[in-house]
Amino acid sequence: MSKNVAPINAAVRFRLSPHQIAVLAPGIELITRSYKDHLRAGTSRLSYPFRIFPPARGFDRGAFNQLFMDNFLVLGEPSL
C-alpha cells in the first residue's frame, strides 16, 4: 500500500513592510560586519557565536552553523 505524498518544499516566502525592514536591516548589517571583521582580524566585539559573560549555569551556546551564516551573509549583500 503506497500513498501519494507531495514533496516537501522548504522555501518560505514572505513580505516585509518598510517599517519591519527598517528594524531588521541595521541588525543584519551589524551581524554581517562583525562576522567579516572576525574573519579578517580573528576577533570582533560581536563575533559569532555570540557570547554572554559569564554565561548562566547550564547555558547552551549552541553550535556554529556555517551554512546558516553563509545564508545570513547573503541577506547583507546588496541586490542587483
PDB file of N, CA and C in Angstrom:
ATOM      1  N   MET A   1       0.843  -1.160   0.000  1.00  0.00           N
ATOM      2  CA  MET A   1       0.000   0.000   0.000  1.00  0.00           C
ATOM      3  C   MET A   1       0.904   1.243   0.000  1.00  0.00           C
ATOM      4  N   SER A   2       0.825   2.016  -1.064  1.00  0.00           N
ATOM      5  CA  SER A   2       1.647   3.230  -1.118  1.00  0.00           C
ATOM      6  C   SER A   2       0.745   4.451  -1.151  1.00  0.00           C
ATOM      7  N   LYS A   3       1.239   5.493  -0.555  1.00  0.00           N
ATOM      8  CA  LYS A   3       0.485   6.746  -0.531  1.00  0.00           C
ATOM      9  C   LYS A   3       1.180   7.751  -1.436  1.00  0.00           C
ATOM     10  N   ASN A   4       0.406   8.548  -2.119  1.00  0.00           N
ATOM     11  CA  ASN A   4       0.973   9.628  -2.909  1.00  0.00           C
ATOM     12  C   ASN A   4       1.183  10.819  -1.983  1.00  0.00           C
ATOM     13  N   VAL A   5       2.444  11.150  -1.790  1.00  0.00           N
ATOM     14  CA  VAL A   5       2.777  12.246  -0.887  1.00  0.00           C
ATOM     15  C   VAL A   5       3.471  13.329  -1.691  1.00  0.00           C
ATOM     16  N   ALA A   6       2.979  14.546  -1.554  1.00  0.00           N
ATOM     17  CA  ALA A   6       3.597  15.670  -2.249  1.00  0.00           C
ATOM     18  C   ALA A   6       4.976  15.941  -1.654  1.00  0.00           C
ATOM     19  N   PRO A   7       5.945  16.297  -2.485  1.00  0.00           N
ATOM     20  CA  PRO A   7       7.283  16.611  -1.954  1.00  0.00           C
ATOM     21  C   PRO A   7       7.221  17.843  -1.062  1.00  0.00           C
ATOM     22  N   ILE A   8       8.089  17.847  -0.079  1.00  0.00           N
ATOM     23  CA  ILE A   8       8.151  18.967   0.847  1.00  0.00           C
ATOM     24  C   ILE A   8       8.947  20.095   0.218  1.00  0.00           C
ATOM     25  N   ASN A   9       8.376  21.282   0.223  1.00  0.00           N
ATOM     26  CA  ASN A   9       9.070  22.470  -0.271  1.00  0.00           C
ATOM     27  C   ASN A   9       9.444  23.304   0.941  1.00  0.00           C
ATOM     28  N   ALA A  10      10.746  23.357   1.241  1.00  0.00           N
ATOM     29  CA  ALA A  10      11.203  24.049   2.439  1.00  0.00           C
ATOM     30  C   ALA A  10      11.260  25.564   2.254  1.00  0.00           C
ATOM     31  N   ALA A  11      11.060  26.068   1.064  1.00  0.00           N
ATOM     32  CA  ALA A  11      11.117  27.510   0.830  1.00  0.00           C
ATOM     33  C   ALA A  11       9.877  28.178   1.414  1.00  0.00           C
ATOM     34  N   VAL A  12      10.110  29.252   2.096  1.00  0.00           N
ATOM     35  CA  VAL A  12       9.016  30.025   2.676  1.00  0.00           C
ATOM     36  C   VAL A  12       9.135  31.443   2.140  1.00  0.00           C
ATOM     37  N   ARG A  13       8.069  31.943   1.588  1.00  0.00           N
ATOM     38  CA  ARG A  13       8.068  33.305   1.059  1.00  0.00           C
ATOM     39  C   ARG A  13       7.242  34.191   1.971  1.00  0.00           C
ATOM     40  N   PHE A  14       7.749  35.378   2.198  1.00  0.00           N
ATOM     41  CA  PHE A  14       7.009  36.336   2.996  1.00  0.00           C
ATOM     42  C   PHE A  14       7.408  37.735   2.588  1.00  0.00           C
ATOM     43  N   ARG A  15       6.587  38.690   2.933  1.00  0.00           N
ATOM     44  CA  ARG A  15       6.858  40.086   2.599  1.00  0.00           C
ATOM     45  C   ARG A  15       7.031  40.869   3.889  1.00  0.00           C
ATOM     46  N   LEU A  16       7.957  41.800   3.840  1.00  0.00           N
ATOM     47  CA  LEU A  16       8.198  42.670   4.984  1.00  0.00           C
ATOM     48  C   LEU A  16       7.775  44.085   4.641  1.00  0.00           C
ATOM     49  N   SER A  17       7.206  44.740   5.600  1.00  0.00           N
ATOM     50  CA  SER A  17       6.818  46.133   5.394  1.00  0.00           C
ATOM     51  C   SER A  17       8.065  47.008   5.503  1.00  0.00           C
ATOM     52  N   PRO A  18       8.020  48.223   4.990  1.00  0.00           N
ATOM     53  CA  PRO A  18       9.168  49.127   5.137  1.00  0.00           C
ATOM     54  C   PRO A  18       9.560  49.350   6.601  1.00  0.00           C
ATOM     55  N   HIS A  19       8.578  49.356   7.493  1.00  0.00           N
ATOM     56  CA  HIS A  19       8.880  49.529   8.916  1.00  0.00           C
ATOM     57  C   HIS A  19       9.628  48.324   9.475  1.00  0.00           C
ATOM     58  N   GLN A  20       9.234  47.125   9.070  1.00  0.00           N
ATOM     59  CA  GLN A  20       9.920  45.913   9.521  1.00  0.00           C
ATOM     60  C   GLN A  20      11.352  45.879   8.986  1.00  0.00           C
ATOM     61  N   ILE A  21      11.532  46.261   7.739  1.00  0.00           N
ATOM     62  CA  ILE A  21      12.871  46.294   7.147  1.00  0.00           C
ATOM     63  C   ILE A  21      13.740  47.314   7.877  1.00  0.00           C
ATOM     64  N   ALA A  22      13.156  48.453   8.239  1.00  0.00           N
ATOM     65  CA  ALA A  22      13.910  49.483   8.952  1.00  0.00           C
ATOM     66  C   ALA A  22      14.417  48.980  10.299  1.00  0.00           C
ATOM     67  N   VAL A  23      13.720  48.035  10.902  1.00  0.00           N
ATOM     68  CA  VAL A  23      14.149  47.457  12.175  1.00  0.00           C
ATOM     69  C   VAL A  23      15.191  46.356  11.945  1.00  0.00           C
ATOM     70  N   LEU A  24      14.964  45.512  10.955  1.00  0.00           N
ATOM     71  CA  LEU A  24      15.831  44.361  10.722  1.00  0.00           C
ATOM     72  C   LEU A  24      17.152  44.705  10.024  1.00  0.00           C
ATOM     73  N   ALA A  25      17.127  45.631   9.089  1.00  0.00           N
ATOM     74  CA  ALA A  25      18.318  45.925   8.275  1.00  0.00           C
ATOM     75  C   ALA A  25      19.532  46.334   9.108  1.00  0.00           C
ATOM     76  N   PRO A  26      19.418  47.226  10.098  1.00  0.00           N
ATOM     77  CA  PRO A  26      20.607  47.572  10.889  1.00  0.00           C
ATOM     78  C   PRO A  26      21.188  46.377  11.647  1.00  0.00           C
ATOM     79  N   GLY A  27      20.316  45.486  12.127  1.00  0.00           N
ATOM     80  CA  GLY A  27      20.796  44.294  12.831  1.00  0.00           C
ATOM     81  C   GLY A  27      21.530  43.351  11.903  1.00  0.00           C
ATOM     82  N   ILE A  28      20.987  43.148  10.708  1.00  0.00           N
ATOM     83  CA  ILE A  28      21.646  42.290   9.723  1.00  0.00           C
ATOM     84  C   ILE A  28      23.000  42.875   9.353  1.00  0.00           C
ATOM     85  N   GLU A  29      23.048  44.188   9.153  1.00  0.00           N
ATOM     86  CA  GLU A  29      24.307  44.846   8.816  1.00  0.00           C
ATOM     87  C   GLU A  29      25.331  44.698   9.940  1.00  0.00           C
ATOM     88  N   LEU A  30      24.900  44.875  11.183  1.00  0.00           N
ATOM     89  CA  LEU A  30      25.801  44.757  12.325  1.00  0.00           C
ATOM     90  C   LEU A  30      26.376  43.354  12.456  1.00  0.00           C
ATOM     91  N   ILE A  31      25.528  42.341  12.312  1.00  0.00           N
ATOM     92  CA  ILE A  31      25.988  40.958  12.433  1.00  0.00           C
ATOM     93  C   ILE A  31      26.919  40.593  11.289  1.00  0.00           C
ATOM     94  N   THR A  32      26.585  40.962  10.050  1.00  0.00           N
ATOM     95  CA  THR A  32      27.450  40.620   8.920  1.00  0.00           C
ATOM     96  C   THR A  32      28.793  41.351   9.008  1.00  0.00           C
ATOM     97  N   ARG A  33      28.766  42.626   9.404  1.00  0.00           N
ATOM     98  CA  ARG A  33      30.018  43.374   9.552  1.00  0.00           C
ATOM     99  C   ARG A  33      30.898  42.754  10.645  1.00  0.00           C
ATOM    100  N   SER A  34      30.289  42.369  11.754  1.00  0.00           N
ATOM    101  CA  SER A  34      31.018  41.759  12.857  1.00  0.00           C
ATOM    102  C   SER A  34      31.643  40.436  12.434  1.00  0.00           C
ATOM    103  N   TYR A  35      30.888  39.612  11.697  1.00  0.00           N
ATOM    104  CA  TYR A  35      31.411  38.319  11.248  1.00  0.00           C
ATOM    105  C   TYR A  35      32.571  38.513  10.277  1.00  0.00           C
ATOM    106  N   LYS A  36      32.429  39.463   9.363  1.00  0.00           N
ATOM    107  CA  LYS A  36      33.515  39.733   8.416  1.00  0.00           C
ATOM    108  C   LYS A  36      34.754  40.273   9.135  1.00  0.00           C
ATOM    109  N   ASP A  37      34.566  41.107  10.170  1.00  0.00           N
ATOM    110  CA  ASP A  37      35.689  41.572  10.984  1.00  0.00           C
ATOM    111  C   ASP A  37      36.372  40.392  11.666  1.00  0.00           C
ATOM    112  N   HIS A  38      35.570  39.461  12.163  1.00  0.00           N
ATOM    113  CA  HIS A  38      36.113  38.270  12.816  1.00  0.00           C
ATOM    114  C   HIS A  38      36.951  37.447  11.843  1.00  0.00           C
ATOM    115  N   LEU A  39      36.477  37.293  10.609  1.00  0.00           N
ATOM    116  CA  LEU A  39      37.241  36.545   9.606  1.00  0.00           C
ATOM    117  C   LEU A  39      38.547  37.257   9.258  1.00  0.00           C
ATOM    118  N   ARG A  40      38.486  38.589   9.163  1.00  0.00           N
ATOM    119  CA  ARG A  40      39.659  39.361   8.772  1.00  0.00           C
ATOM    120  C   ARG A  40      40.682  39.461   9.906  1.00  0.00           C
ATOM    121  N   ALA A  41      40.229  39.790  11.113  1.00  0.00           N
ATOM    122  CA  ALA A  41      41.143  40.085  12.208  1.00  0.00           C
ATOM    123  C   ALA A  41      41.233  38.973  13.253  1.00  0.00           C
ATOM    124  N   GLY A  42      40.368  37.972  13.172  1.00  0.00           N
ATOM    125  CA  GLY A  42      40.394  36.892  14.140  1.00  0.00           C
ATOM    126  C   GLY A  42      39.527  37.139  15.359  1.00  0.00           C
ATOM    127  N   THR A  43      38.999  38.326  15.484  1.00  0.00           N
ATOM    128  CA  THR A  43      38.106  38.629  16.605  1.00  0.00           C
ATOM    129  C   THR A  43      37.238  39.818  16.252  1.00  0.00           C
ATOM    130  N   SER A  44      36.174  39.961  16.953  1.00  0.00           N
ATOM    131  CA  SER A  44      35.322  41.137  16.833  1.00  0.00           C
ATOM    132  C   SER A  44      34.480  41.226  18.091  1.00  0.00           C
ATOM    133  N   ARG A  45      33.938  42.377  18.318  1.00  0.00           N
ATOM    134  CA  ARG A  45      33.151  42.591  19.529  1.00  0.00           C
ATOM    135  C   ARG A  45      31.922  41.694  19.572  1.00  0.00           C
ATOM    136  N   LEU A  46      31.353  41.414  18.433  1.00  0.00           N
ATOM    137  CA  LEU A  46      30.139  40.607  18.366  1.00  0.00           C
ATOM    138  C   LEU A  46      30.355  39.308  17.600  1.00  0.00           C
ATOM    139  N   SER A  47      31.531  38.707  17.731  1.00  0.00           N
ATOM    140  CA  SER A  47      31.825  37.532  16.916  1.00  0.00           C
ATOM    141  C   SER A  47      30.808  36.422  17.154  1.00  0.00           C
ATOM    142  N   TYR A  48      30.492  35.737  16.067  1.00  0.00           N
ATOM    143  CA  TYR A  48      29.530  34.640  16.109  1.00  0.00           C
ATOM    144  C   TYR A  48      30.277  33.373  16.481  1.00  0.00           C
ATOM    145  N   PRO A  49      29.852  32.532  17.359  1.00  0.00           N
ATOM    146  CA  PRO A  49      28.602  32.607  18.095  1.00  0.00           C
ATOM    147  C   PRO A  49      28.668  33.664  19.186  1.00  0.00           C
ATOM    148  N   PHE A  50      27.561  34.327  19.404  1.00  0.00           N
ATOM    149  CA  PHE A  50      27.523  35.407  20.370  1.00  0.00           C
ATOM    150  C   PHE A  50      27.795  34.874  21.761  1.00  0.00           C
ATOM    151  N   ARG A  51      28.350  35.707  22.596  1.00  0.00           N
ATOM    152  CA  ARG A  51      28.738  35.276  23.935  1.00  0.00           C
ATOM    153  C   ARG A  51      28.056  36.118  24.998  1.00  0.00           C
ATOM    154  N   ILE A  52      27.793  35.496  26.114  1.00  0.00           N
ATOM    155  CA  ILE A  52      27.287  36.179  27.285  1.00  0.00           C
ATOM    156  C   ILE A  52      28.324  35.956  28.380  1.00  0.00           C
ATOM    157  N   PHE A  53      28.815  36.996  28.987  1.00  0.00           N
ATOM    158  CA  PHE A  53      29.842  36.865  30.029  1.00  0.00           C
ATOM    159  C   PHE A  53      29.279  37.238  31.367  1.00  0.00           C
ATOM    160  N   PRO A  54      29.406  36.447  32.383  1.00  0.00           N
ATOM    161  CA  PRO A  54      29.580  34.990  32.269  1.00  0.00           C
ATOM    162  C   PRO A  54      28.245  34.349  31.907  1.00  0.00           C
ATOM    163  N   PRO A  55      28.294  33.229  31.198  1.00  0.00           N
ATOM    164  CA  PRO A  55      27.027  32.585  30.856  1.00  0.00           C
ATOM    165  C   PRO A  55      26.374  31.993  32.106  1.00  0.00           C
ATOM    166  N   ALA A  56      25.079  31.947  32.067  1.00  0.00           N
ATOM    167  CA  ALA A  56      24.347  31.333  33.178  1.00  0.00           C
ATOM    168  C   ALA A  56      24.662  29.849  33.246  1.00  0.00           C
ATOM    169  N   ARG A  57      24.597  29.278  34.446  1.00  0.00           N
ATOM    170  CA  ARG A  57      24.870  27.850  34.614  1.00  0.00           C
ATOM    171  C   ARG A  57      23.919  27.051  33.727  1.00  0.00           C
ATOM    172  N   GLY A  58      24.470  26.127  32.969  1.00  0.00           N
ATOM    173  CA  GLY A  58      23.665  25.296  32.088  1.00  0.00           C
ATOM    174  C   GLY A  58      23.298  25.957  30.770  1.00  0.00           C
ATOM    175  N   PHE A  59      23.828  27.153  30.504  1.00  0.00           N
ATOM    176  CA  PHE A  59      23.508  27.854  29.260  1.00  0.00           C
ATOM    177  C   PHE A  59      24.107  27.109  28.081  1.00  0.00           C
ATOM    178  N   ASP A  60      23.301  26.827  27.085  1.00  0.00           N
ATOM    179  CA  ASP A  60      23.764  26.124  25.892  1.00  0.00           C
ATOM    180  C   ASP A  60      24.044  27.143  24.804  1.00  0.00           C
ATOM    181  N   ARG A  61      25.310  27.305  24.435  1.00  0.00           N
ATOM    182  CA  ARG A  61      25.689  28.275  23.405  1.00  0.00           C
ATOM    183  C   ARG A  61      25.293  27.814  22.012  1.00  0.00           C
ATOM    184  N   GLY A  62      24.964  26.567  21.873  1.00  0.00           N
ATOM    185  CA  GLY A  62      24.616  26.060  20.555  1.00  0.00           C
ATOM    186  C   GLY A  62      25.875  25.802  19.731  1.00  0.00           C
ATOM    187  N   ALA A  63      25.693  25.488  18.497  1.00  0.00           N
ATOM    188  CA  ALA A  63      26.815  25.185  17.618  1.00  0.00           C
ATOM    189  C   ALA A  63      26.813  26.151  16.441  1.00  0.00           C
ATOM    190  N   PHE A  64      27.992  26.508  15.994  1.00  0.00           N
ATOM    191  CA  PHE A  64      28.121  27.364  14.822  1.00  0.00           C
ATOM    192  C   PHE A  64      27.673  26.584  13.605  1.00  0.00           C
ATOM    193  N   ASN A  65      26.867  27.188  12.779  1.00  0.00           N
ATOM    194  CA  ASN A  65      26.369  26.555  11.577  1.00  0.00           C
ATOM    195  C   ASN A  65      26.809  27.406  10.388  1.00  0.00           C
ATOM    196  N   GLN A  66      27.824  26.945   9.675  1.00  0.00           N
ATOM    197  CA  GLN A  66      28.394  27.724   8.577  1.00  0.00           C
ATOM    198  C   GLN A  66      27.382  27.965   7.465  1.00  0.00           C
ATOM    199  N   LEU A  67      26.565  26.968   7.146  1.00  0.00           N
ATOM    200  CA  LEU A  67      25.562  27.142   6.098  1.00  0.00           C
ATOM    201  C   LEU A  67      24.582  28.253   6.476  1.00  0.00           C
ATOM    202  N   PHE A  68      24.134  28.277   7.742  1.00  0.00           N
ATOM    203  CA  PHE A  68      23.237  29.333   8.195  1.00  0.00           C
ATOM    204  C   PHE A  68      23.921  30.689   8.073  1.00  0.00           C
ATOM    205  N   MET A  69      25.199  30.776   8.504  1.00  0.00           N
ATOM    206  CA  MET A  69      25.903  32.056   8.451  1.00  0.00           C
ATOM    207  C   MET A  69      26.095  32.507   7.008  1.00  0.00           C
ATOM    208  N   ASP A  70      26.413  31.577   6.113  1.00  0.00           N
ATOM    209  CA  ASP A  70      26.553  31.932   4.693  1.00  0.00           C
ATOM    210  C   ASP A  70      25.245  32.487   4.142  1.00  0.00           C
ATOM    211  N   ASN A  71      24.129  31.851   4.480  1.00  0.00           N
ATOM    212  CA  ASN A  71      22.824  32.338   4.031  1.00  0.00           C
ATOM    213  C   ASN A  71      22.501  33.687   4.660  1.00  0.00           C
ATOM    214  N   PHE A  72      22.894  33.873   5.904  1.00  0.00           N
ATOM    215  CA  PHE A  72      22.665  35.137   6.589  1.00  0.00           C
ATOM    216  C   PHE A  72      23.466  36.258   5.936  1.00  0.00           C
ATOM    217  N   LEU A  73      24.711  35.958   5.523  1.00  0.00           N
ATOM    218  CA  LEU A  73      25.546  36.960   4.859  1.00  0.00           C
ATOM    219  C   LEU A  73      24.930  37.413   3.540  1.00  0.00           C
ATOM    220  N   VAL A  74      24.225  36.521   2.869  1.00  0.00           N
ATOM    221  CA  VAL A  74      23.566  36.878   1.615  1.00  0.00           C
ATOM    222  C   VAL A  74      22.521  37.974   1.864  1.00  0.00           C
ATOM    223  N   LEU A  75      21.894  37.956   3.042  1.00  0.00           N
ATOM    224  CA  LEU A  75      20.917  38.996   3.367  1.00  0.00           C
ATOM    225  C   LEU A  75      21.552  40.377   3.394  1.00  0.00           C
ATOM    226  N   GLY A  76      22.827  40.445   3.774  1.00  0.00           N
ATOM    227  CA  GLY A  76      23.504  41.721   3.871  1.00  0.00           C
ATOM    228  C   GLY A  76      24.115  42.202   2.579  1.00  0.00           C
ATOM    229  N   GLU A  77      24.089  41.366   1.550  1.00  0.00           N
ATOM    230  CA  GLU A  77      24.665  41.744   0.263  1.00  0.00           C
ATOM    231  C   GLU A  77      23.711  42.659  -0.500  1.00  0.00           C
ATOM    232  N   PRO A  78      24.260  43.648  -1.168  1.00  0.00           N
ATOM    233  CA  PRO A  78      23.380  44.497  -1.987  1.00  0.00           C
ATOM    234  C   PRO A  78      22.801  43.684  -3.143  1.00  0.00           C
ATOM    235  N   SER A  79      21.539  43.887  -3.420  1.00  0.00           N
ATOM    236  CA  SER A  79      20.897  43.140  -4.519  1.00  0.00           C
ATOM    237  C   SER A  79      21.147  43.880  -5.833  1.00  0.00           C
ATOM    238  N   LEU A  80      21.135  43.126  -6.913  1.00  0.00           N
ATOM    239  CA  LEU A  80      21.386  43.706  -8.244  1.00  0.00           C
ATOM    240  C   LEU A  80      20.111  44.215  -8.869  1.00  0.00           C
TER     241      LEU A  80
END
